Amino acid sequence: MMNKKLIIFIIVCTLTLLTACQEQKETNEAGPLDGLFAGSELSYEEYKFIMEYIVDRAKEMEIENKELEKWVIRAIGDERLMNKRDLTKEEALEEAEYNHKYYETFMSVAKTKYNVTVTEEELDNWIAEGPDQSDVPQHKAYAEALSLTLEELNHDYDRDLYEQTMVMEKLQPLLHEEYDTTDVDEVRDRFNKEVEEQMK
Protein backbone atom coordinates (compact mmCIF):
# COMPACT_ATOMS: atom_id res chain seq x y z
CA MET A 1 0.00 0.00 0.00
CA MET A 2 1.44 3.37 -0.97
CA ASN A 3 1.82 6.12 1.56
CA LYS A 4 -0.86 8.42 0.14
CA LYS A 5 0.13 11.48 2.13
CA LEU A 6 3.65 11.21 0.77
CA ILE A 7 2.28 10.86 -2.76
CA ILE A 8 0.21 14.01 -2.31
CA PHE A 9 3.29 15.87 -1.11
CA ILE A 10 5.29 14.68 -4.09
CA ILE A 11 2.66 15.48 -6.68
CA VAL A 12 1.98 18.93 -5.35
CA CYS A 13 5.61 19.90 -4.95
CA THR A 14 6.82 18.70 -8.30
CA LEU A 15 3.68 19.79 -10.17
CA THR A 16 4.74 17.62 -13.07
CA LEU A 17 4.75 14.09 -14.28
CA LEU A 18 8.40 13.32 -13.78
CA THR A 19 9.48 10.87 -16.39
CA ALA A 20 12.23 8.87 -14.75
CA CYS A 21 11.47 9.09 -11.09
CA GLN A 22 10.18 6.71 -8.47
CA GLU A 23 8.02 6.68 -5.36
CA GLN A 24 9.39 4.51 -2.56
CA LYS A 25 6.66 2.20 -1.31
CA GLU A 26 6.60 0.38 1.97
CA THR A 27 7.61 -2.68 -0.07
CA ASN A 28 10.57 -0.67 -1.36
CA GLU A 29 9.31 -0.89 -4.92
CA ALA A 30 9.46 1.93 -7.42
CA GLY A 31 6.63 4.16 -8.54
CA PRO A 32 6.49 6.99 -11.08
CA LEU A 33 7.15 9.91 -8.78
CA ASP A 34 9.91 10.91 -6.44
CA GLY A 35 10.07 13.15 -3.33
CA LEU A 36 12.37 15.77 -4.78
CA PHE A 37 11.47 18.34 -2.17
CA ALA A 38 11.07 16.15 0.88
CA GLY A 39 13.33 18.53 2.80
CA SER A 40 11.24 21.60 1.96
CA GLU A 41 9.24 22.99 4.84
CA LEU A 42 7.73 26.30 3.88
CA SER A 43 4.68 27.87 5.44
CA TYR A 44 1.26 27.88 3.79
CA GLU A 45 1.65 31.59 2.93
CA GLU A 46 5.06 30.96 1.35
CA TYR A 47 3.68 28.10 -0.71
CA LYS A 48 0.67 30.20 -1.67
CA PHE A 49 2.93 32.96 -2.96
CA ILE A 50 5.00 30.47 -5.00
CA MET A 51 1.98 28.65 -6.42
CA GLU A 52 0.22 31.88 -7.39
CA TYR A 53 3.39 33.09 -9.08
CA ILE A 54 3.65 29.82 -11.05
CA VAL A 55 0.01 29.95 -12.19
CA ASP A 56 0.28 33.64 -13.12
CA ARG A 57 3.41 32.94 -15.20
CA ALA A 58 1.53 30.30 -17.16
CA LYS A 59 -1.54 32.51 -17.64
CA GLU A 60 0.68 35.28 -19.03
CA MET A 61 1.73 32.88 -21.80
CA GLU A 62 -1.88 32.88 -23.08
CA ILE A 63 -1.99 29.22 -24.05
CA GLU A 64 -5.35 28.49 -25.67
CA ASN A 65 -5.28 24.71 -25.14
CA LYS A 66 -6.32 24.27 -21.49
CA GLU A 67 -4.98 20.72 -21.27
CA LEU A 68 -1.58 21.90 -22.50
CA GLU A 69 -1.75 24.88 -20.12
CA LYS A 70 -2.05 22.45 -17.20
CA TRP A 71 1.15 20.70 -18.28
CA VAL A 72 2.84 24.09 -18.74
CA ILE A 73 1.92 25.01 -15.16
CA ARG A 74 3.47 21.74 -14.00
CA ALA A 75 6.61 22.33 -16.06
CA ILE A 76 7.04 25.88 -14.75
CA GLY A 77 6.39 24.72 -11.21
CA ASP A 78 8.86 21.87 -11.45
CA GLU A 79 11.64 24.13 -12.68
CA ARG A 80 10.80 26.89 -10.23
CA LEU A 81 10.75 24.60 -7.20
CA MET A 82 13.77 22.52 -8.25
CA ASN A 83 16.11 25.13 -9.66
CA LYS A 84 14.51 28.43 -8.62
CA ARG A 85 14.52 29.43 -12.26
CA ASP A 86 11.80 30.57 -14.65
CA LEU A 87 11.31 28.78 -17.95
CA THR A 88 10.78 30.83 -21.09
CA LYS A 89 7.51 30.23 -22.92
CA GLU A 90 9.36 28.11 -25.51
CA GLU A 91 11.06 26.01 -22.81
CA ALA A 92 7.83 25.57 -20.88
CA LEU A 93 5.92 24.48 -23.98
CA GLU A 94 8.63 22.03 -25.01
CA GLU A 95 8.76 20.50 -21.53
CA ALA A 96 4.96 20.40 -21.24
CA GLU A 97 4.51 18.74 -24.62
CA TYR A 98 7.13 16.11 -23.80
CA ASN A 99 5.65 15.34 -20.36
CA HIS A 100 2.13 15.13 -21.75
CA LYS A 101 3.25 12.77 -24.51
CA TYR A 102 5.21 10.71 -22.00
CA TYR A 103 2.14 10.40 -19.78
CA GLU A 104 -0.08 9.27 -22.65
CA THR A 105 2.52 6.76 -23.86
CA PHE A 106 3.05 5.47 -20.32
CA MET A 107 -0.65 4.80 -19.94
CA SER A 108 -0.85 3.21 -23.39
CA VAL A 109 2.07 0.82 -22.73
CA ALA A 110 0.61 -0.12 -19.35
CA LYS A 111 -2.75 -0.93 -20.94
CA THR A 112 -1.76 -2.55 -24.24
CA LYS A 113 1.34 -4.50 -23.21
CA TYR A 114 0.64 -5.26 -19.55
CA ASN A 115 -3.17 -5.03 -19.48
CA VAL A 116 -3.03 -2.70 -16.47
CA THR A 117 -5.79 -0.14 -16.00
CA VAL A 118 -7.61 1.61 -13.17
CA THR A 119 -11.40 1.97 -13.07
CA GLU A 120 -13.02 5.32 -12.42
CA GLU A 121 -14.51 3.92 -9.22
CA GLU A 122 -11.13 2.63 -7.98
CA LEU A 123 -9.56 5.99 -8.68
CA ASP A 124 -12.34 8.02 -7.03
CA ASN A 125 -12.19 5.83 -3.93
CA TRP A 126 -8.41 6.07 -3.78
CA ILE A 127 -8.53 9.87 -4.08
CA ALA A 128 -11.33 10.17 -1.50
CA GLU A 129 -9.43 8.07 1.03
CA GLY A 130 -6.10 9.79 0.47
CA PRO A 131 -5.64 13.13 -1.32
CA ASP A 132 -9.06 14.47 -0.27
CA GLN A 133 -7.96 14.07 3.35
CA SER A 134 -4.82 16.13 2.79
CA ASP A 135 -3.75 18.78 5.26
CA VAL A 136 -0.44 19.38 3.45
CA PRO A 137 -0.03 23.18 3.14
CA GLN A 138 1.40 23.16 -0.41
CA HIS A 139 -1.52 21.02 -1.58
CA LYS A 140 -4.05 23.56 -0.33
CA ALA A 141 -1.97 26.45 -1.67
CA TYR A 142 -1.87 24.82 -5.11
CA ALA A 143 -5.64 24.37 -5.18
CA GLU A 144 -6.21 27.96 -4.10
CA ALA A 145 -3.79 29.31 -6.71
CA LEU A 146 -5.85 27.54 -9.36
CA SER A 147 -9.13 28.79 -7.81
CA LEU A 148 -10.18 25.21 -7.14
CA THR A 149 -11.40 23.36 -4.10
CA LEU A 150 -9.19 20.53 -2.89
CA GLU A 151 -11.73 18.03 -4.24
CA GLU A 152 -11.79 19.72 -7.67
CA LEU A 153 -8.02 19.71 -7.77
CA ASN A 154 -7.86 16.03 -6.86
CA HIS A 155 -10.78 14.55 -8.79
CA ASP A 156 -10.44 16.64 -11.94
CA TYR A 157 -7.30 18.71 -12.40
CA ASP A 158 -4.70 16.28 -11.04
CA ARG A 159 -6.70 13.13 -11.68
CA ASP A 160 -4.25 12.01 -14.36
CA LEU A 161 -1.31 12.09 -11.94
CA TYR A 162 -3.15 10.00 -9.38
CA GLU A 163 -4.23 7.56 -12.05
CA GLN A 164 -0.64 7.12 -13.20
CA THR A 165 0.46 6.53 -9.61
CA MET A 166 -2.16 3.78 -9.22
CA VAL A 167 -1.26 2.21 -12.55
CA MET A 168 2.41 2.14 -11.61
CA GLU A 169 1.54 0.46 -8.34
CA LYS A 170 -0.28 -2.28 -10.24
CA LEU A 171 2.54 -2.55 -12.77
CA GLN A 172 5.25 -3.22 -10.22
CA PRO A 173 4.93 -6.98 -9.79
CA LEU A 174 4.50 -7.45 -13.55
CA LEU A 175 7.60 -5.43 -14.33
CA HIS A 176 9.70 -7.33 -11.82
CA GLU A 177 8.61 -10.52 -13.52
CA GLU A 178 9.05 -9.13 -17.04
CA TYR A 179 12.59 -7.93 -16.38
CA ASP A 180 13.44 -10.82 -14.07
CA THR A 181 14.91 -8.56 -11.42
CA THR A 182 14.04 -7.21 -7.98
CA ASP A 183 16.29 -4.17 -8.49
CA VAL A 184 14.05 -1.11 -8.12
CA ASP A 185 16.30 1.23 -10.10
CA GLU A 186 16.69 -1.23 -12.96
CA VAL A 187 12.92 -1.74 -13.19
CA ARG A 188 12.33 2.00 -13.26
CA ASP A 189 15.02 2.63 -15.89
CA ARG A 190 13.97 -0.21 -18.15
CA PHE A 191 10.30 0.73 -18.09
CA ASN A 192 11.26 4.34 -18.75
CA LYS A 193 13.19 3.16 -21.83
CA GLU A 194 10.17 1.14 -22.96
CA VAL A 195 7.99 4.24 -22.81
CA GLU A 196 10.56 6.45 -24.53
CA GLU A 197 10.98 3.90 -27.34
CA GLN A 198 7.25 4.06 -27.99
CA MET A 199 7.40 7.85 -28.11
CA LYS A 200 9.74 7.87 -31.12
C-alpha atoms as a PDB file:
ATOM      1  CA  MET A   1       0.000   0.000   0.000  1.00  0.00           C
ATOM      2  CA  MET A   2       1.436   3.375  -0.967  1.00  0.00           C
ATOM      3  CA  ASN A   3       1.817   6.124   1.565  1.00  0.00           C
ATOM      4  CA  LYS A   4      -0.859   8.415   0.138  1.00  0.00           C
ATOM      5  CA  LYS A   5       0.131  11.482   2.133  1.00  0.00           C
ATOM      6  CA  LEU A   6       3.654  11.213   0.768  1.00  0.00           C
ATOM      7  CA  ILE A   7       2.285  10.857  -2.764  1.00  0.00           C
ATOM      8  CA  ILE A   8       0.212  14.012  -2.308  1.00  0.00           C
ATOM      9  CA  PHE A   9       3.289  15.870  -1.112  1.00  0.00           C
ATOM     10  CA  ILE A  10       5.294  14.676  -4.093  1.00  0.00           C
ATOM     11  CA  ILE A  11       2.664  15.483  -6.683  1.00  0.00           C
ATOM     12  CA  VAL A  12       1.977  18.927  -5.349  1.00  0.00           C
ATOM     13  CA  CYS A  13       5.611  19.899  -4.947  1.00  0.00           C
ATOM     14  CA  THR A  14       6.822  18.698  -8.300  1.00  0.00           C
ATOM     15  CA  LEU A  15       3.678  19.786 -10.165  1.00  0.00           C
ATOM     16  CA  THR A  16       4.743  17.619 -13.066  1.00  0.00           C
ATOM     17  CA  LEU A  17       4.748  14.091 -14.280  1.00  0.00           C
ATOM     18  CA  LEU A  18       8.395  13.320 -13.777  1.00  0.00           C
ATOM     19  CA  THR A  19       9.485  10.866 -16.394  1.00  0.00           C
ATOM     20  CA  ALA A  20      12.230   8.874 -14.755  1.00  0.00           C
ATOM     21  CA  CYS A  21      11.468   9.088 -11.092  1.00  0.00           C
ATOM     22  CA  GLN A  22      10.184   6.711  -8.473  1.00  0.00           C
ATOM     23  CA  GLU A  23       8.024   6.676  -5.355  1.00  0.00           C
ATOM     24  CA  GLN A  24       9.386   4.507  -2.562  1.00  0.00           C
ATOM     25  CA  LYS A  25       6.658   2.204  -1.310  1.00  0.00           C
ATOM     26  CA  GLU A  26       6.600   0.378   1.968  1.00  0.00           C
ATOM     27  CA  THR A  27       7.607  -2.681  -0.068  1.00  0.00           C
ATOM     28  CA  ASN A  28      10.569  -0.666  -1.356  1.00  0.00           C
ATOM     29  CA  GLU A  29       9.311  -0.894  -4.922  1.00  0.00           C
ATOM     30  CA  ALA A  30       9.461   1.934  -7.423  1.00  0.00           C
ATOM     31  CA  GLY A  31       6.625   4.162  -8.538  1.00  0.00           C
ATOM     32  CA  PRO A  32       6.492   6.986 -11.077  1.00  0.00           C
ATOM     33  CA  LEU A  33       7.155   9.913  -8.779  1.00  0.00           C
ATOM     34  CA  ASP A  34       9.907  10.914  -6.437  1.00  0.00           C
ATOM     35  CA  GLY A  35      10.071  13.153  -3.332  1.00  0.00           C
ATOM     36  CA  LEU A  36      12.371  15.767  -4.779  1.00  0.00           C
ATOM     37  CA  PHE A  37      11.470  18.342  -2.165  1.00  0.00           C
ATOM     38  CA  ALA A  38      11.074  16.151   0.884  1.00  0.00           C
ATOM     39  CA  GLY A  39      13.328  18.534   2.800  1.00  0.00           C
ATOM     40  CA  SER A  40      11.242  21.603   1.960  1.00  0.00           C
ATOM     41  CA  GLU A  41       9.239  22.987   4.838  1.00  0.00           C
ATOM     42  CA  LEU A  42       7.729  26.305   3.876  1.00  0.00           C
ATOM     43  CA  SER A  43       4.678  27.874   5.443  1.00  0.00           C
ATOM     44  CA  TYR A  44       1.262  27.884   3.790  1.00  0.00           C
ATOM     45  CA  GLU A  45       1.652  31.589   2.934  1.00  0.00           C
ATOM     46  CA  GLU A  46       5.059  30.956   1.349  1.00  0.00           C
ATOM     47  CA  TYR A  47       3.676  28.102  -0.706  1.00  0.00           C
ATOM     48  CA  LYS A  48       0.667  30.197  -1.674  1.00  0.00           C
ATOM     49  CA  PHE A  49       2.932  32.960  -2.957  1.00  0.00           C
ATOM     50  CA  ILE A  50       4.999  30.472  -4.997  1.00  0.00           C
ATOM     51  CA  MET A  51       1.978  28.649  -6.417  1.00  0.00           C
ATOM     52  CA  GLU A  52       0.217  31.881  -7.385  1.00  0.00           C
ATOM     53  CA  TYR A  53       3.393  33.089  -9.080  1.00  0.00           C
ATOM     54  CA  ILE A  54       3.646  29.817 -11.055  1.00  0.00           C
ATOM     55  CA  VAL A  55       0.013  29.947 -12.185  1.00  0.00           C
ATOM     56  CA  ASP A  56       0.279  33.643 -13.119  1.00  0.00           C
ATOM     57  CA  ARG A  57       3.405  32.939 -15.201  1.00  0.00           C
ATOM     58  CA  ALA A  58       1.529  30.297 -17.161  1.00  0.00           C
ATOM     59  CA  LYS A  59      -1.545  32.506 -17.638  1.00  0.00           C
ATOM     60  CA  GLU A  60       0.679  35.281 -19.034  1.00  0.00           C
ATOM     61  CA  MET A  61       1.727  32.881 -21.799  1.00  0.00           C
ATOM     62  CA  GLU A  62      -1.882  32.883 -23.082  1.00  0.00           C
ATOM     63  CA  ILE A  63      -1.995  29.218 -24.053  1.00  0.00           C
ATOM     64  CA  GLU A  64      -5.350  28.488 -25.667  1.00  0.00           C
ATOM     65  CA  ASN A  65      -5.285  24.710 -25.143  1.00  0.00           C
ATOM     66  CA  LYS A  66      -6.325  24.270 -21.492  1.00  0.00           C
ATOM     67  CA  GLU A  67      -4.984  20.725 -21.273  1.00  0.00           C
ATOM     68  CA  LEU A  68      -1.585  21.897 -22.501  1.00  0.00           C
ATOM     69  CA  GLU A  69      -1.748  24.877 -20.122  1.00  0.00           C
ATOM     70  CA  LYS A  70      -2.051  22.449 -17.201  1.00  0.00           C
ATOM     71  CA  TRP A  71       1.147  20.703 -18.283  1.00  0.00           C
ATOM     72  CA  VAL A  72       2.841  24.091 -18.743  1.00  0.00           C
ATOM     73  CA  ILE A  73       1.921  25.009 -15.163  1.00  0.00           C
ATOM     74  CA  ARG A  74       3.472  21.743 -13.996  1.00  0.00           C
ATOM     75  CA  ALA A  75       6.614  22.326 -16.063  1.00  0.00           C
ATOM     76  CA  ILE A  76       7.038  25.877 -14.750  1.00  0.00           C
ATOM     77  CA  GLY A  77       6.386  24.718 -11.208  1.00  0.00           C
ATOM     78  CA  ASP A  78       8.863  21.868 -11.447  1.00  0.00           C
ATOM     79  CA  GLU A  79      11.644  24.129 -12.681  1.00  0.00           C
ATOM     80  CA  ARG A  80      10.800  26.895 -10.234  1.00  0.00           C
ATOM     81  CA  LEU A  81      10.752  24.596  -7.199  1.00  0.00           C
ATOM     82  CA  MET A  82      13.766  22.516  -8.249  1.00  0.00           C
ATOM     83  CA  ASN A  83      16.112  25.127  -9.657  1.00  0.00           C
ATOM     84  CA  LYS A  84      14.512  28.428  -8.616  1.00  0.00           C
ATOM     85  CA  ARG A  85      14.516  29.427 -12.265  1.00  0.00           C
ATOM     86  CA  ASP A  86      11.797  30.572 -14.650  1.00  0.00           C
ATOM     87  CA  LEU A  87      11.314  28.777 -17.949  1.00  0.00           C
ATOM     88  CA  THR A  88      10.780  30.829 -21.087  1.00  0.00           C
ATOM     89  CA  LYS A  89       7.514  30.230 -22.924  1.00  0.00           C
ATOM     90  CA  GLU A  90       9.356  28.109 -25.506  1.00  0.00           C
ATOM     91  CA  GLU A  91      11.063  26.014 -22.813  1.00  0.00           C
ATOM     92  CA  ALA A  92       7.827  25.574 -20.882  1.00  0.00           C
ATOM     93  CA  LEU A  93       5.915  24.483 -23.983  1.00  0.00           C
ATOM     94  CA  GLU A  94       8.626  22.029 -25.013  1.00  0.00           C
ATOM     95  CA  GLU A  95       8.756  20.498 -21.527  1.00  0.00           C
ATOM     96  CA  ALA A  96       4.959  20.400 -21.239  1.00  0.00           C
ATOM     97  CA  GLU A  97       4.505  18.737 -24.622  1.00  0.00           C
ATOM     98  CA  TYR A  98       7.131  16.113 -23.799  1.00  0.00           C
ATOM     99  CA  ASN A  99       5.646  15.340 -20.360  1.00  0.00           C
ATOM    100  CA  HIS A 100       2.126  15.129 -21.754  1.00  0.00           C
ATOM    101  CA  LYS A 101       3.250  12.768 -24.510  1.00  0.00           C
ATOM    102  CA  TYR A 102       5.211  10.706 -21.999  1.00  0.00           C
ATOM    103  CA  TYR A 103       2.142  10.402 -19.781  1.00  0.00           C
ATOM    104  CA  GLU A 104      -0.080   9.271 -22.648  1.00  0.00           C
ATOM    105  CA  THR A 105       2.524   6.764 -23.857  1.00  0.00           C
ATOM    106  CA  PHE A 106       3.055   5.474 -20.319  1.00  0.00           C
ATOM    107  CA  MET A 107      -0.646   4.796 -19.938  1.00  0.00           C
ATOM    108  CA  SER A 108      -0.848   3.206 -23.385  1.00  0.00           C
ATOM    109  CA  VAL A 109       2.073   0.822 -22.729  1.00  0.00           C
ATOM    110  CA  ALA A 110       0.608  -0.119 -19.354  1.00  0.00           C
ATOM    111  CA  LYS A 111      -2.748  -0.931 -20.942  1.00  0.00           C
ATOM    112  CA  THR A 112      -1.757  -2.550 -24.239  1.00  0.00           C
ATOM    113  CA  LYS A 113       1.338  -4.497 -23.210  1.00  0.00           C
ATOM    114  CA  TYR A 114       0.638  -5.260 -19.546  1.00  0.00           C
ATOM    115  CA  ASN A 115      -3.170  -5.034 -19.481  1.00  0.00           C
ATOM    116  CA  VAL A 116      -3.029  -2.700 -16.474  1.00  0.00           C
ATOM    117  CA  THR A 117      -5.790  -0.138 -15.998  1.00  0.00           C
ATOM    118  CA  VAL A 118      -7.613   1.606 -13.170  1.00  0.00           C
ATOM    119  CA  THR A 119     -11.396   1.966 -13.075  1.00  0.00           C
ATOM    120  CA  GLU A 120     -13.018   5.323 -12.416  1.00  0.00           C
ATOM    121  CA  GLU A 121     -14.509   3.924  -9.220  1.00  0.00           C
ATOM    122  CA  GLU A 122     -11.134   2.632  -7.983  1.00  0.00           C
ATOM    123  CA  LEU A 123      -9.562   5.995  -8.684  1.00  0.00           C
ATOM    124  CA  ASP A 124     -12.340   8.019  -7.031  1.00  0.00           C
ATOM    125  CA  ASN A 125     -12.195   5.831  -3.931  1.00  0.00           C
ATOM    126  CA  TRP A 126      -8.406   6.070  -3.777  1.00  0.00           C
ATOM    127  CA  ILE A 127      -8.526   9.867  -4.078  1.00  0.00           C
ATOM    128  CA  ALA A 128     -11.328  10.174  -1.504  1.00  0.00           C
ATOM    129  CA  GLU A 129      -9.430   8.075   1.028  1.00  0.00           C
ATOM    130  CA  GLY A 130      -6.095   9.794   0.475  1.00  0.00           C
ATOM    131  CA  PRO A 131      -5.645  13.130  -1.316  1.00  0.00           C
ATOM    132  CA  ASP A 132      -9.064  14.470  -0.271  1.00  0.00           C
ATOM    133  CA  GLN A 133      -7.963  14.073   3.354  1.00  0.00           C
ATOM    134  CA  SER A 134      -4.820  16.126   2.788  1.00  0.00           C
ATOM    135  CA  ASP A 135      -3.748  18.777   5.255  1.00  0.00           C
ATOM    136  CA  VAL A 136      -0.438  19.378   3.451  1.00  0.00           C
ATOM    137  CA  PRO A 137      -0.031  23.181   3.136  1.00  0.00           C
ATOM    138  CA  GLN A 138       1.404  23.158  -0.405  1.00  0.00           C
ATOM    139  CA  HIS A 139      -1.521  21.021  -1.580  1.00  0.00           C
ATOM    140  CA  LYS A 140      -4.049  23.559  -0.328  1.00  0.00           C
ATOM    141  CA  ALA A 141      -1.969  26.451  -1.673  1.00  0.00           C
ATOM    142  CA  TYR A 142      -1.866  24.817  -5.111  1.00  0.00           C
ATOM    143  CA  ALA A 143      -5.644  24.371  -5.184  1.00  0.00           C
ATOM    144  CA  GLU A 144      -6.215  27.956  -4.100  1.00  0.00           C
ATOM    145  CA  ALA A 145      -3.790  29.313  -6.706  1.00  0.00           C
ATOM    146  CA  LEU A 146      -5.853  27.537  -9.364  1.00  0.00           C
ATOM    147  CA  SER A 147      -9.129  28.792  -7.812  1.00  0.00           C
ATOM    148  CA  LEU A 148     -10.185  25.212  -7.139  1.00  0.00           C
ATOM    149  CA  THR A 149     -11.402  23.355  -4.099  1.00  0.00           C
ATOM    150  CA  LEU A 150      -9.186  20.533  -2.886  1.00  0.00           C
ATOM    151  CA  GLU A 151     -11.733  18.028  -4.243  1.00  0.00           C
ATOM    152  CA  GLU A 152     -11.793  19.720  -7.669  1.00  0.00           C
ATOM    153  CA  LEU A 153      -8.015  19.706  -7.771  1.00  0.00           C
ATOM    154  CA  ASN A 154      -7.858  16.028  -6.857  1.00  0.00           C
ATOM    155  CA  HIS A 155     -10.776  14.555  -8.786  1.00  0.00           C
ATOM    156  CA  ASP A 156     -10.443  16.640 -11.936  1.00  0.00           C
ATOM    157  CA  TYR A 157      -7.302  18.714 -12.397  1.00  0.00           C
ATOM    158  CA  ASP A 158      -4.699  16.282 -11.037  1.00  0.00           C
ATOM    159  CA  ARG A 159      -6.703  13.125 -11.677  1.00  0.00           C
ATOM    160  CA  ASP A 160      -4.246  12.013 -14.356  1.00  0.00           C
ATOM    161  CA  LEU A 161      -1.311  12.093 -11.942  1.00  0.00           C
ATOM    162  CA  TYR A 162      -3.149  10.002  -9.376  1.00  0.00           C
ATOM    163  CA  GLU A 163      -4.229   7.564 -12.053  1.00  0.00           C
ATOM    164  CA  GLN A 164      -0.640   7.119 -13.198  1.00  0.00           C
ATOM    165  CA  THR A 165       0.464   6.528  -9.615  1.00  0.00           C
ATOM    166  CA  MET A 166      -2.157   3.784  -9.216  1.00  0.00           C
ATOM    167  CA  VAL A 167      -1.259   2.209 -12.548  1.00  0.00           C
ATOM    168  CA  MET A 168       2.411   2.143 -11.611  1.00  0.00           C
ATOM    169  CA  GLU A 169       1.539   0.461  -8.339  1.00  0.00           C
ATOM    170  CA  LYS A 170      -0.276  -2.282 -10.237  1.00  0.00           C
ATOM    171  CA  LEU A 171       2.538  -2.550 -12.769  1.00  0.00           C
ATOM    172  CA  GLN A 172       5.254  -3.217 -10.215  1.00  0.00           C
ATOM    173  CA  PRO A 173       4.927  -6.983  -9.791  1.00  0.00           C
ATOM    174  CA  LEU A 174       4.500  -7.450 -13.548  1.00  0.00           C
ATOM    175  CA  LEU A 175       7.602  -5.429 -14.329  1.00  0.00           C
ATOM    176  CA  HIS A 176       9.702  -7.331 -11.817  1.00  0.00           C
ATOM    177  CA  GLU A 177       8.615 -10.523 -13.523  1.00  0.00           C
ATOM    178  CA  GLU A 178       9.051  -9.129 -17.045  1.00  0.00           C
ATOM    179  CA  TYR A 179      12.594  -7.932 -16.380  1.00  0.00           C
ATOM    180  CA  ASP A 180      13.440 -10.822 -14.074  1.00  0.00           C
ATOM    181  CA  THR A 181      14.912  -8.564 -11.422  1.00  0.00           C
ATOM    182  CA  THR A 182      14.040  -7.210  -7.982  1.00  0.00           C
ATOM    183  CA  ASP A 183      16.289  -4.170  -8.495  1.00  0.00           C
ATOM    184  CA  VAL A 184      14.051  -1.114  -8.119  1.00  0.00           C
ATOM    185  CA  ASP A 185      16.296   1.234 -10.102  1.00  0.00           C
ATOM    186  CA  GLU A 186      16.690  -1.229 -12.955  1.00  0.00           C
ATOM    187  CA  VAL A 187      12.924  -1.739 -13.187  1.00  0.00           C
ATOM    188  CA  ARG A 188      12.335   2.002 -13.262  1.00  0.00           C
ATOM    189  CA  ASP A 189      15.018   2.631 -15.886  1.00  0.00           C
ATOM    190  CA  ARG A 190      13.969  -0.208 -18.147  1.00  0.00           C
ATOM    191  CA  PHE A 191      10.301   0.732 -18.088  1.00  0.00           C
ATOM    192  CA  ASN A 192      11.258   4.345 -18.754  1.00  0.00           C
ATOM    193  CA  LYS A 193      13.186   3.161 -21.832  1.00  0.00           C
ATOM    194  CA  GLU A 194      10.175   1.137 -22.959  1.00  0.00           C
ATOM    195  CA  VAL A 195       7.995   4.238 -22.814  1.00  0.00           C
ATOM    196  CA  GLU A 196      10.559   6.452 -24.534  1.00  0.00           C
ATOM    197  CA  GLU A 197      10.984   3.903 -27.340  1.00  0.00           C
ATOM    198  CA  GLN A 198       7.254   4.060 -27.985  1.00  0.00           C
ATOM    199  CA  MET A 199       7.404   7.850 -28.112  1.00  0.00           C
ATOM    200  CA  LYS A 200       9.740   7.871 -31.119  1.00  0.00           C
END
